[in-house]
């Protein structure tokens, strides 16, 4: 299963912003855990200077709803206003997940 299918199957388009984010988050993490080599390849491609703008636009279009959802999250301003707090909280959650 590709990442888009994994994230978008059952996507709760009419639900709240938090419900939509949780749906994408859960499935993204599940997909990455199930496909570590694909996730690694995606990370490498994301920083490659060999990927054309046309290809980036195609991928962006495939994730249009997710991109729109993320823009709606950022538009609320919480991340900007509390970036340090959220950055620390995110890292703390990550560290507990990987280090126990």
PDB file of N, CA and C in Angstrom:
ATOM      1  N   UNK A   1       0.855  -1.183   0.000  1.00  0.00           N
ATOM      2  CA  UNK A   1       0.000   0.000   0.000  1.00  0.00           C
ATOM      3  C   UNK A   1       0.893   1.236   0.000  1.00  0.00           C
ATOM      4  N   UNK A   2       0.563   2.190  -0.870  1.00  0.00           N
ATOM      5  CA  UNK A   2       1.368   3.411  -0.886  1.00  0.00           C
ATOM      6  C   UNK A   2       0.905   4.363   0.221  1.00  0.00           C
ATOM      7  N   UNK A   3       1.724   5.343   0.488  1.00  0.00           N
ATOM      8  CA  UNK A   3       1.461   6.258   1.597  1.00  0.00           C
ATOM      9  C   UNK A   3       0.145   6.998   1.421  1.00  0.00           C
ATOM     10  N   UNK A   4      -0.141   7.461   0.215  1.00  0.00           N
ATOM     11  CA  UNK A   4      -1.383   8.198   0.008  1.00  0.00           C
ATOM     12  C   UNK A   4      -2.586   7.329   0.328  1.00  0.00           C
ATOM     13  N   UNK A   5      -2.595   6.104  -0.169  1.00  0.00           N
ATOM     14  CA  UNK A   5      -3.708   5.199   0.139  1.00  0.00           C
ATOM     15  C   UNK A   5      -3.799   4.943   1.635  1.00  0.00           C
ATOM     16  N   UNK A   6      -2.662   4.745   2.258  1.00  0.00           N
ATOM     17  CA  UNK A   6      -2.656   4.476   3.698  1.00  0.00           C
ATOM     18  C   UNK A   6      -3.256   5.635   4.484  1.00  0.00           C
ATOM     19  N   UNK A   7      -2.925   6.855   4.095  1.00  0.00           N
ATOM     20  CA  UNK A   7      -3.398   8.019   4.840  1.00  0.00           C
ATOM     21  C   UNK A   7      -4.816   8.417   4.478  1.00  0.00           C
ATOM     22  N   UNK A   8      -5.202   8.225   3.235  1.00  0.00           N
ATOM     23  CA  UNK A   8      -6.475   8.775   2.784  1.00  0.00           C
ATOM     24  C   UNK A   8      -7.641   7.792   2.837  1.00  0.00           C
ATOM     25  N   UNK A   9      -7.370   6.502   2.981  1.00  0.00           N
ATOM     26  CA  UNK A   9      -8.457   5.545   3.093  1.00  0.00           C
ATOM     27  C   UNK A   9      -9.244   5.843   4.364  1.00  0.00           C
ATOM     28  N   UNK A  10     -10.510   6.097   4.194  1.00  0.00           N
ATOM     29  CA  UNK A  10     -11.366   6.414   5.330  1.00  0.00           C
ATOM     30  C   UNK A  10     -11.178   7.818   5.890  1.00  0.00           C
ATOM     31  N   UNK A  11     -10.519   8.696   5.122  1.00  0.00           N
ATOM     32  CA  UNK A  11     -10.257  10.062   5.584  1.00  0.00           C
ATOM     33  C   UNK A  11     -11.575  10.742   5.977  1.00  0.00           C
ATOM     34  N   UNK A  12     -11.659  11.258   7.192  1.00  0.00           N
ATOM     35  CA  UNK A  12     -12.914  11.851   7.688  1.00  0.00           C
ATOM     36  C   UNK A  12     -13.083  13.307   7.257  1.00  0.00           C
ATOM     37  N   UNK A  13     -13.306  13.512   5.953  1.00  0.00           N
ATOM     38  CA  UNK A  13     -13.343  14.856   5.378  1.00  0.00           C
ATOM     39  C   UNK A  13     -14.302  15.810   6.091  1.00  0.00           C
ATOM     40  N   UNK A  14     -15.419  15.341   6.550  1.00  0.00           N
ATOM     41  CA  UNK A  14     -16.399  16.222   7.173  1.00  0.00           C
ATOM     42  C   UNK A  14     -16.220  16.410   8.668  1.00  0.00           C
ATOM     43  N   UNK A  15     -15.209  15.813   9.228  1.00  0.00           N
ATOM     44  CA  UNK A  15     -14.992  15.873  10.680  1.00  0.00           C
ATOM     45  C   UNK A  15     -14.169  17.101  11.068  1.00  0.00           C
ATOM     46  N   UNK A  16     -13.934  17.233  12.358  1.00  0.00           N
ATOM     47  CA  UNK A  16     -13.182  18.376  12.881  1.00  0.00           C
ATOM     48  C   UNK A  16     -11.721  18.310  12.448  1.00  0.00           C
ATOM     49  N   UNK A  17     -11.040  19.435  12.576  1.00  0.00           N
ATOM     50  CA  UNK A  17      -9.627  19.514  12.229  1.00  0.00           C
ATOM     51  C   UNK A  17      -8.808  18.531  13.054  1.00  0.00           C
ATOM     52  N   UNK A  18      -9.121  18.405  14.320  1.00  0.00           N
ATOM     53  CA  UNK A  18      -8.366  17.472  15.169  1.00  0.00           C
ATOM     54  C   UNK A  18      -8.609  16.027  14.744  1.00  0.00           C
ATOM     55  N   UNK A  19      -9.852  15.691  14.389  1.00  0.00           N
ATOM     56  CA  UNK A  19     -10.147  14.330  13.939  1.00  0.00           C
ATOM     57  C   UNK A  19      -9.410  14.005  12.637  1.00  0.00           C
ATOM     58  N   UNK A  20      -9.369  14.957  11.719  1.00  0.00           N
ATOM     59  CA  UNK A  20      -8.674  14.732  10.455  1.00  0.00           C
ATOM     60  C   UNK A  20      -7.178  14.587  10.664  1.00  0.00           C
ATOM     61  N   UNK A  21      -6.619  15.430  11.536  1.00  0.00           N
ATOM     62  CA  UNK A  21      -5.189  15.328  11.829  1.00  0.00           C
ATOM     63  C   UNK A  21      -4.854  14.007  12.493  1.00  0.00           C
ATOM     64  N   UNK A  22      -5.691  13.582  13.423  1.00  0.00           N
ATOM     65  CA  UNK A  22      -5.430  12.314  14.117  1.00  0.00           C
ATOM     66  C   UNK A  22      -5.462  11.148  13.130  1.00  0.00           C
ATOM     67  N   UNK A  23      -6.400  11.192  12.216  1.00  0.00           N
ATOM     68  CA  UNK A  23      -6.511  10.144  11.193  1.00  0.00           C
ATOM     69  C   UNK A  23      -5.201  10.057  10.389  1.00  0.00           C
ATOM     70  N   UNK A  24      -4.739  11.197   9.891  1.00  0.00           N
ATOM     71  CA  UNK A  24      -3.521  11.230   9.079  1.00  0.00           C
ATOM     72  C   UNK A  24      -2.312  10.828   9.917  1.00  0.00           C
ATOM     73  N   UNK A  25      -2.198  11.364  11.110  1.00  0.00           N
ATOM     74  CA  UNK A  25      -1.067  11.062  11.997  1.00  0.00           C
ATOM     75  C   UNK A  25      -0.979   9.564  12.265  1.00  0.00           C
ATOM     76  N   UNK A  26      -2.083   8.961  12.699  1.00  0.00           N
ATOM     77  CA  UNK A  26      -2.082   7.537  13.040  1.00  0.00           C
ATOM     78  C   UNK A  26      -1.665   6.679  11.854  1.00  0.00           C
ATOM     79  N   UNK A  27      -2.202   6.984  10.695  1.00  0.00           N
ATOM     80  CA  UNK A  27      -1.908   6.183   9.517  1.00  0.00           C
ATOM     81  C   UNK A  27      -0.503   6.427   8.980  1.00  0.00           C
ATOM     82  N   UNK A  28      -0.019   7.653   9.105  1.00  0.00           N
ATOM     83  CA  UNK A  28       1.356   7.948   8.675  1.00  0.00           C
ATOM     84  C   UNK A  28       2.359   7.188   9.545  1.00  0.00           C
ATOM     85  N   UNK A  29       2.149   7.210  10.835  1.00  0.00           N
ATOM     86  CA  UNK A  29       3.041   6.493  11.749  1.00  0.00           C
ATOM     87  C   UNK A  29       2.964   4.990  11.496  1.00  0.00           C
ATOM     88  N   UNK A  30       1.758   4.473  11.336  1.00  0.00           N
ATOM     89  CA  UNK A  30       1.573   3.037  11.076  1.00  0.00           C
ATOM     90  C   UNK A  30       2.259   2.640   9.771  1.00  0.00           C
ATOM     91  N   UNK A  31       2.075   3.444   8.717  1.00  0.00           N
ATOM     92  CA  UNK A  31       2.702   3.148   7.428  1.00  0.00           C
ATOM     93  C   UNK A  31       4.228   3.181   7.549  1.00  0.00           C
ATOM     94  N   UNK A  32       4.762   4.212   8.194  1.00  0.00           N
ATOM     95  CA  UNK A  32       6.212   4.327   8.348  1.00  0.00           C
ATOM     96  C   UNK A  32       6.808   3.174   9.144  1.00  0.00           C
ATOM     97  N   UNK A  33       6.081   2.711  10.158  1.00  0.00           N
ATOM     98  CA  UNK A  33       6.555   1.575  10.955  1.00  0.00           C
ATOM     99  C   UNK A  33       6.524   0.278  10.156  1.00  0.00           C
ATOM    100  N   UNK A  34       5.518   0.139   9.309  1.00  0.00           N
ATOM    101  CA  UNK A  34       5.373  -1.078   8.510  1.00  0.00           C
ATOM    102  C   UNK A  34       6.299  -1.097   7.293  1.00  0.00           C
ATOM    103  N   UNK A  35       6.732   0.071   6.845  1.00  0.00           N
ATOM    104  CA  UNK A  35       7.542   0.183   5.627  1.00  0.00           C
ATOM    105  C   UNK A  35       8.762   1.071   5.861  1.00  0.00           C
ATOM    106  N   UNK A  36       9.674   0.666   6.727  1.00  0.00           N
ATOM    107  CA  UNK A  36      10.814   1.548   7.049  1.00  0.00           C
ATOM    108  C   UNK A  36      11.710   1.875   5.856  1.00  0.00           C
ATOM    109  N   UNK A  37      11.863   0.962   4.930  1.00  0.00           N
ATOM    110  CA  UNK A  37      12.716   1.256   3.773  1.00  0.00           C
ATOM    111  C   UNK A  37      12.057   2.278   2.845  1.00  0.00           C
ATOM    112  N   UNK A  38      10.739   2.177   2.676  1.00  0.00           N
ATOM    113  CA  UNK A  38      10.027   3.163   1.868  1.00  0.00           C
ATOM    114  C   UNK A  38      10.086   4.531   2.541  1.00  0.00           C
ATOM    115  N   UNK A  39       9.938   4.557   3.852  1.00  0.00           N
ATOM    116  CA  UNK A  39      10.003   5.826   4.592  1.00  0.00           C
ATOM    117  C   UNK A  39      11.385   6.451   4.442  1.00  0.00           C
ATOM    118  N   UNK A  40      12.408   5.625   4.511  1.00  0.00           N
ATOM    119  CA  UNK A  40      13.774   6.133   4.346  1.00  0.00           C
ATOM    120  C   UNK A  40      13.981   6.698   2.938  1.00  0.00           C
ATOM    121  N   UNK A  41      13.462   5.988   1.940  1.00  0.00           N
ATOM    122  CA  UNK A  41      13.573   6.475   0.561  1.00  0.00           C
ATOM    123  C   UNK A  41      12.848   7.811   0.400  1.00  0.00           C
ATOM    124  N   UNK A  42      11.681   7.940   1.019  1.00  0.00           N
ATOM    125  CA  UNK A  42      10.943   9.215   0.937  1.00  0.00           C
ATOM    126  C   UNK A  42      11.729  10.350   1.567  1.00  0.00           C
ATOM    127  N   UNK A  43      12.361  10.091   2.698  1.00  0.00           N
ATOM    128  CA  UNK A  43      13.173  11.136   3.342  1.00  0.00           C
ATOM    129  C   UNK A  43      14.299  11.567   2.423  1.00  0.00           C
ATOM    130  N   UNK A  44      14.944  10.601   1.786  1.00  0.00           N
ATOM    131  CA  UNK A  44      16.056  10.931   0.895  1.00  0.00           C
ATOM    132  C   UNK A  44      15.575  11.703  -0.337  1.00  0.00           C
ATOM    133  N   UNK A  45      14.438  11.296  -0.876  1.00  0.00           N
ATOM    134  CA  UNK A  45      13.895  11.995  -2.043  1.00  0.00           C
ATOM    135  C   UNK A  45      13.475  13.419  -1.701  1.00  0.00           C
ATOM    136  N   UNK A  46      13.006  13.623  -0.487  1.00  0.00           N
ATOM    137  CA  UNK A  46      12.544  14.950  -0.073  1.00  0.00           C
ATOM    138  C   UNK A  46      13.666  15.981  -0.101  1.00  0.00           C
ATOM    139  N   UNK A  47      14.899  15.547   0.081  1.00  0.00           N
ATOM    140  CA  UNK A  47      16.020  16.486   0.094  1.00  0.00           C
ATOM    141  C   UNK A  47      16.861  16.419  -1.181  1.00  0.00           C
ATOM    142  N   UNK A  48      16.438  15.590  -2.120  1.00  0.00           N
ATOM    143  CA  UNK A  48      17.189  15.438  -3.362  1.00  0.00           C
ATOM    144  C   UNK A  48      17.015  16.656  -4.262  1.00  0.00           C
ATOM    145  N   UNK A  49      18.094  17.065  -4.883  1.00  0.00           N
ATOM    146  CA  UNK A  49      18.010  18.163  -5.846  1.00  0.00           C
ATOM    147  C   UNK A  49      17.727  17.635  -7.253  1.00  0.00           C
ATOM    148  N   UNK A  50      17.485  16.337  -7.357  1.00  0.00           N
ATOM    149  CA  UNK A  50      17.222  15.719  -8.660  1.00  0.00           C
ATOM    150  C   UNK A  50      15.729  15.554  -8.927  1.00  0.00           C
ATOM    151  N   UNK A  51      14.895  15.885  -7.953  1.00  0.00           N
ATOM    152  CA  UNK A  51      13.447  15.785  -8.121  1.00  0.00           C
ATOM    153  C   UNK A  51      12.965  17.087  -8.759  1.00  0.00           C
ATOM    154  N   UNK A  52      12.271  16.967  -9.871  1.00  0.00           N
ATOM    155  CA  UNK A  52      11.825  18.157 -10.603  1.00  0.00           C
ATOM    156  C   UNK A  52      10.654  18.838  -9.897  1.00  0.00           C
ATOM    157  N   UNK A  53      10.475  20.102 -10.210  1.00  0.00           N
ATOM    158  CA  UNK A  53       9.333  20.845  -9.671  1.00  0.00           C
ATOM    159  C   UNK A  53       8.021  20.215 -10.124  1.00  0.00           C
ATOM    160  N   UNK A  54       7.999  19.718 -11.344  1.00  0.00           N
ATOM    161  CA  UNK A  54       6.801  19.065 -11.865  1.00  0.00           C
ATOM    162  C   UNK A  54       6.436  17.846 -11.010  1.00  0.00           C
ATOM    163  N   UNK A  55       7.440  17.061 -10.660  1.00  0.00           N
ATOM    164  CA  UNK A  55       7.196  15.895  -9.808  1.00  0.00           C
ATOM    165  C   UNK A  55       6.702  16.312  -8.433  1.00  0.00           C
ATOM    166  N   UNK A  56       7.279  17.359  -7.882  1.00  0.00           N
ATOM    167  CA  UNK A  56       6.848  17.846  -6.573  1.00  0.00           C
ATOM    168  C   UNK A  56       5.392  18.307  -6.610  1.00  0.00           C
ATOM    169  N   UNK A  57       5.010  18.962  -7.707  1.00  0.00           N
ATOM    170  CA  UNK A  57       3.623  19.414  -7.847  1.00  0.00           C
ATOM    171  C   UNK A  57       2.665  18.235  -7.959  1.00  0.00           C
ATOM    172  N   UNK A  58       3.074  17.193  -8.669  1.00  0.00           N
ATOM    173  CA  UNK A  58       2.230  15.995  -8.784  1.00  0.00           C
ATOM    174  C   UNK A  58       1.996  15.356  -7.421  1.00  0.00           C
ATOM    175  N   UNK A  59       3.048  15.241  -6.650  1.00  0.00           N
ATOM    176  CA  UNK A  59       2.924  14.656  -5.309  1.00  0.00           C
ATOM    177  C   UNK A  59       2.079  15.565  -4.428  1.00  0.00           C
ATOM    178  N   UNK A  60       2.329  16.857  -4.502  1.00  0.00           N
ATOM    179  CA  UNK A  60       1.543  17.804  -3.712  1.00  0.00           C
ATOM    180  C   UNK A  60       0.066  17.714  -4.034  1.00  0.00           C
ATOM    181  N   UNK A  61      -0.248  17.543  -5.319  1.00  0.00           N
ATOM    182  CA  UNK A  61      -1.642  17.408  -5.725  1.00  0.00           C
ATOM    183  C   UNK A  61      -2.286  16.142  -5.186  1.00  0.00           C
ATOM    184  N   UNK A  62      -1.519  15.074  -5.088  1.00  0.00           N
ATOM    185  CA  UNK A  62      -2.043  13.810  -4.574  1.00  0.00           C
ATOM    186  C   UNK A  62      -2.411  13.915  -3.102  1.00  0.00           C
ATOM    187  N   UNK A  63      -1.769  14.825  -2.401  1.00  0.00           N
ATOM    188  CA  UNK A  63      -2.026  15.008  -0.973  1.00  0.00           C
ATOM    189  C   UNK A  63      -2.728  16.340  -0.712  1.00  0.00           C
ATOM    190  N   UNK A  64      -3.529  16.782  -1.677  1.00  0.00           N
ATOM    191  CA  UNK A  64      -4.185  18.084  -1.586  1.00  0.00           C
ATOM    192  C   UNK A  64      -4.980  18.287  -0.308  1.00  0.00           C
ATOM    193  N   UNK A  65      -5.803  17.315   0.065  1.00  0.00           N
ATOM    194  CA  UNK A  65      -6.616  17.465   1.274  1.00  0.00           C
ATOM    195  C   UNK A  65      -5.752  17.572   2.519  1.00  0.00           C
ATOM    196  N   UNK A  66      -4.690  16.777   2.571  1.00  0.00           N
ATOM    197  CA  UNK A  66      -3.796  16.828   3.732  1.00  0.00           C
ATOM    198  C   UNK A  66      -3.086  18.177   3.775  1.00  0.00           C
ATOM    199  N   UNK A  67      -2.625  18.654   2.632  1.00  0.00           N
ATOM    200  CA  UNK A  67      -1.963  19.960   2.590  1.00  0.00           C
ATOM    201  C   UNK A  67      -2.912  21.076   3.037  1.00  0.00           C
ATOM    202  N   UNK A  68      -4.155  21.014   2.571  1.00  0.00           N
ATOM    203  CA  UNK A  68      -5.151  22.009   2.979  1.00  0.00           C
ATOM    204  C   UNK A  68      -5.384  21.953   4.488  1.00  0.00           C
ATOM    205  N   UNK A  69      -5.460  20.753   5.016  1.00  0.00           N
ATOM    206  CA  UNK A  69      -5.672  20.568   6.449  1.00  0.00           C
ATOM    207  C   UNK A  69      -4.503  21.166   7.246  1.00  0.00           C
ATOM    208  N   UNK A  70      -3.284  20.930   6.783  1.00  0.00           N
ATOM    209  CA  UNK A  70      -2.113  21.453   7.486  1.00  0.00           C
ATOM    210  C   UNK A  70      -2.072  22.979   7.418  1.00  0.00           C
ATOM    211  N   UNK A  71      -2.462  23.553   6.276  1.00  0.00           N
ATOM    212  CA  UNK A  71      -2.526  25.019   6.184  1.00  0.00           C
ATOM    213  C   UNK A  71      -3.556  25.580   7.161  1.00  0.00           C
ATOM    214  N   UNK A  72      -4.682  24.886   7.321  1.00  0.00           N
ATOM    215  CA  UNK A  72      -5.702  25.327   8.276  1.00  0.00           C
ATOM    216  C   UNK A  72      -5.164  25.276   9.703  1.00  0.00           C
ATOM    217  N   UNK A  73      -4.357  24.276  10.001  1.00  0.00           N
ATOM    218  CA  UNK A  73      -3.757  24.178  11.344  1.00  0.00           C
ATOM    219  C   UNK A  73      -2.815  25.355  11.598  1.00  0.00           C
ATOM    220  N   UNK A  74      -1.962  25.627  10.644  1.00  0.00           N
ATOM    221  CA  UNK A  74      -0.981  26.699  10.792  1.00  0.00           C
ATOM    222  C   UNK A  74      -1.657  28.061  10.857  1.00  0.00           C
ATOM    223  N   UNK A  75      -2.757  28.219  10.124  1.00  0.00           N
ATOM    224  CA  UNK A  75      -3.460  29.504  10.091  1.00  0.00           C
ATOM    225  C   UNK A  75      -3.974  29.908  11.463  1.00  0.00           C
ATOM    226  N   UNK A  76      -4.201  28.937  12.337  1.00  0.00           N
ATOM    227  CA  UNK A  76      -4.661  29.240  13.688  1.00  0.00           C
ATOM    228  C   UNK A  76      -3.616  29.956  14.523  1.00  0.00           C
ATOM    229  N   UNK A  77      -2.349  29.842  14.147  1.00  0.00           N
ATOM    230  CA  UNK A  77      -1.287  30.582  14.807  1.00  0.00           C
ATOM    231  C   UNK A  77      -0.711  29.959  16.065  1.00  0.00           C
ATOM    232  N   UNK A  78      -1.247  28.862  16.531  1.00  0.00           N
ATOM    233  CA  UNK A  78      -0.772  28.278  17.791  1.00  0.00           C
ATOM    234  C   UNK A  78       0.698  27.872  17.710  1.00  0.00           C
ATOM    235  N   UNK A  79       1.095  27.274  16.596  1.00  0.00           N
ATOM    236  CA  UNK A  79       2.479  26.822  16.474  1.00  0.00           C
ATOM    237  C   UNK A  79       3.421  28.012  16.493  1.00  0.00           C
ATOM    238  N   UNK A  80       3.060  29.013  15.851  1.00  0.00           N
ATOM    239  CA  UNK A  80       3.906  30.230  15.839  1.00  0.00           C
ATOM    240  C   UNK A  80       4.000  30.824  17.229  1.00  0.00           C
ATOM    241  N   UNK A  81       2.856  30.916  17.910  1.00  0.00           N
ATOM    242  CA  UNK A  81       2.837  31.572  19.214  1.00  0.00           C
ATOM    243  C   UNK A  81       3.514  30.740  20.289  1.00  0.00           C
ATOM    244  N   UNK A  82       3.466  29.419  20.166  1.00  0.00           N
ATOM    245  CA  UNK A  82       4.005  28.555  21.216  1.00  0.00           C
ATOM    246  C   UNK A  82       4.997  27.538  20.647  1.00  0.00           C
ATOM    247  N   UNK A  83       5.776  27.948  19.699  1.00  0.00           N
ATOM    248  CA  UNK A  83       6.670  27.034  18.987  1.00  0.00           C
ATOM    249  C   UNK A  83       7.621  26.303  19.930  1.00  0.00           C
ATOM    250  N   UNK A  84       8.224  27.001  20.881  1.00  0.00           N
ATOM    251  CA  UNK A  84       9.170  26.343  21.787  1.00  0.00           C
ATOM    252  C   UNK A  84       8.483  25.265  22.614  1.00  0.00           C
ATOM    253  N   UNK A  85       7.320  25.594  23.131  1.00  0.00           N
ATOM    254  CA  UNK A  85       6.577  24.633  23.958  1.00  0.00           C
ATOM    255  C   UNK A  85       6.210  23.387  23.151  1.00  0.00           C
ATOM    256  N   UNK A  86       5.704  23.581  21.940  1.00  0.00           N
ATOM    257  CA  UNK A  86       5.295  22.450  21.114  1.00  0.00           C
ATOM    258  C   UNK A  86       6.493  21.655  20.615  1.00  0.00           C
ATOM    259  N   UNK A  87       7.565  22.343  20.309  1.00  0.00           N
ATOM    260  CA  UNK A  87       8.776  21.639  19.880  1.00  0.00           C
ATOM    261  C   UNK A  87       9.290  20.746  20.993  1.00  0.00           C
ATOM    262  N   UNK A  88       9.345  21.268  22.211  1.00  0.00           N
ATOM    263  CA  UNK A  88       9.789  20.468  23.359  1.00  0.00           C
ATOM    264  C   UNK A  88       8.838  19.310  23.613  1.00  0.00           C
ATOM    265  N   UNK A  89       7.541  19.575  23.596  1.00  0.00           N
ATOM    266  CA  UNK A  89       6.559  18.521  23.831  1.00  0.00           C
ATOM    267  C   UNK A  89       6.630  17.425  22.782  1.00  0.00           C
ATOM    268  N   UNK A  90       6.823  17.814  21.531  1.00  0.00           N
ATOM    269  CA  UNK A  90       6.941  16.835  20.459  1.00  0.00           C
ATOM    270  C   UNK A  90       8.178  15.976  20.614  1.00  0.00           C
ATOM    271  N   UNK A  91       9.293  16.612  20.967  1.00  0.00           N
ATOM    272  CA  UNK A  91      10.510  15.834  21.166  1.00  0.00           C
ATOM    273  C   UNK A  91      10.372  14.914  22.374  1.00  0.00           C
ATOM    274  N   UNK A  92       9.804  15.415  23.454  1.00  0.00           N
ATOM    275  CA  UNK A  92       9.616  14.570  24.642  1.00  0.00           C
ATOM    276  C   UNK A  92       8.779  13.333  24.321  1.00  0.00           C
ATOM    277  N   UNK A  93       7.717  13.504  23.552  1.00  0.00           N
ATOM    278  CA  UNK A  93       6.865  12.368  23.167  1.00  0.00           C
ATOM    279  C   UNK A  93       7.661  11.396  22.281  1.00  0.00           C
ATOM    280  N   UNK A  94       8.411  11.942  21.333  1.00  0.00           N
ATOM    281  CA  UNK A  94       9.239  11.116  20.480  1.00  0.00           C
ATOM    282  C   UNK A  94      10.232  10.310  21.309  1.00  0.00           C
ATOM    283  N   UNK A  95      10.929  10.980  22.230  1.00  0.00           N
ATOM    284  CA  UNK A  95      11.967  10.319  23.018  1.00  0.00           C
ATOM    285  C   UNK A  95      11.385   9.212  23.881  1.00  0.00           C
ATOM    286  N   UNK A  96      10.238   9.459  24.474  1.00  0.00           N
ATOM    287  CA  UNK A  96       9.583   8.411  25.285  1.00  0.00           C
ATOM    288  C   UNK A  96       9.206   7.228  24.397  1.00  0.00           C
ATOM    289  N   UNK A  97       8.826   7.501  23.174  1.00  0.00           N
ATOM    290  CA  UNK A  97       8.449   6.426  22.258  1.00  0.00           C
ATOM    291  C   UNK A  97       9.612   5.574  21.819  1.00  0.00           C
ATOM    292  N   UNK A  98      10.775   6.176  21.631  1.00  0.00           N
ATOM    293  CA  UNK A  98      11.915   5.403  21.139  1.00  0.00           C
ATOM    294  C   UNK A  98      12.852   4.912  22.241  1.00  0.00           C
ATOM    295  N   UNK A  99      12.877   5.633  23.352  1.00  0.00           N
ATOM    296  CA  UNK A  99      13.820   5.263  24.422  1.00  0.00           C
ATOM    297  C   UNK A  99      13.129   4.584  25.599  1.00  0.00           C
ATOM    298  N   UNK A 100      11.819   4.668  25.625  1.00  0.00           N
ATOM    299  CA  UNK A 100      11.078   4.000  26.699  1.00  0.00           C
ATOM    300  C   UNK A 100      10.905   4.766  27.955  1.00  0.00           C
TER     301      UNK A 100
END
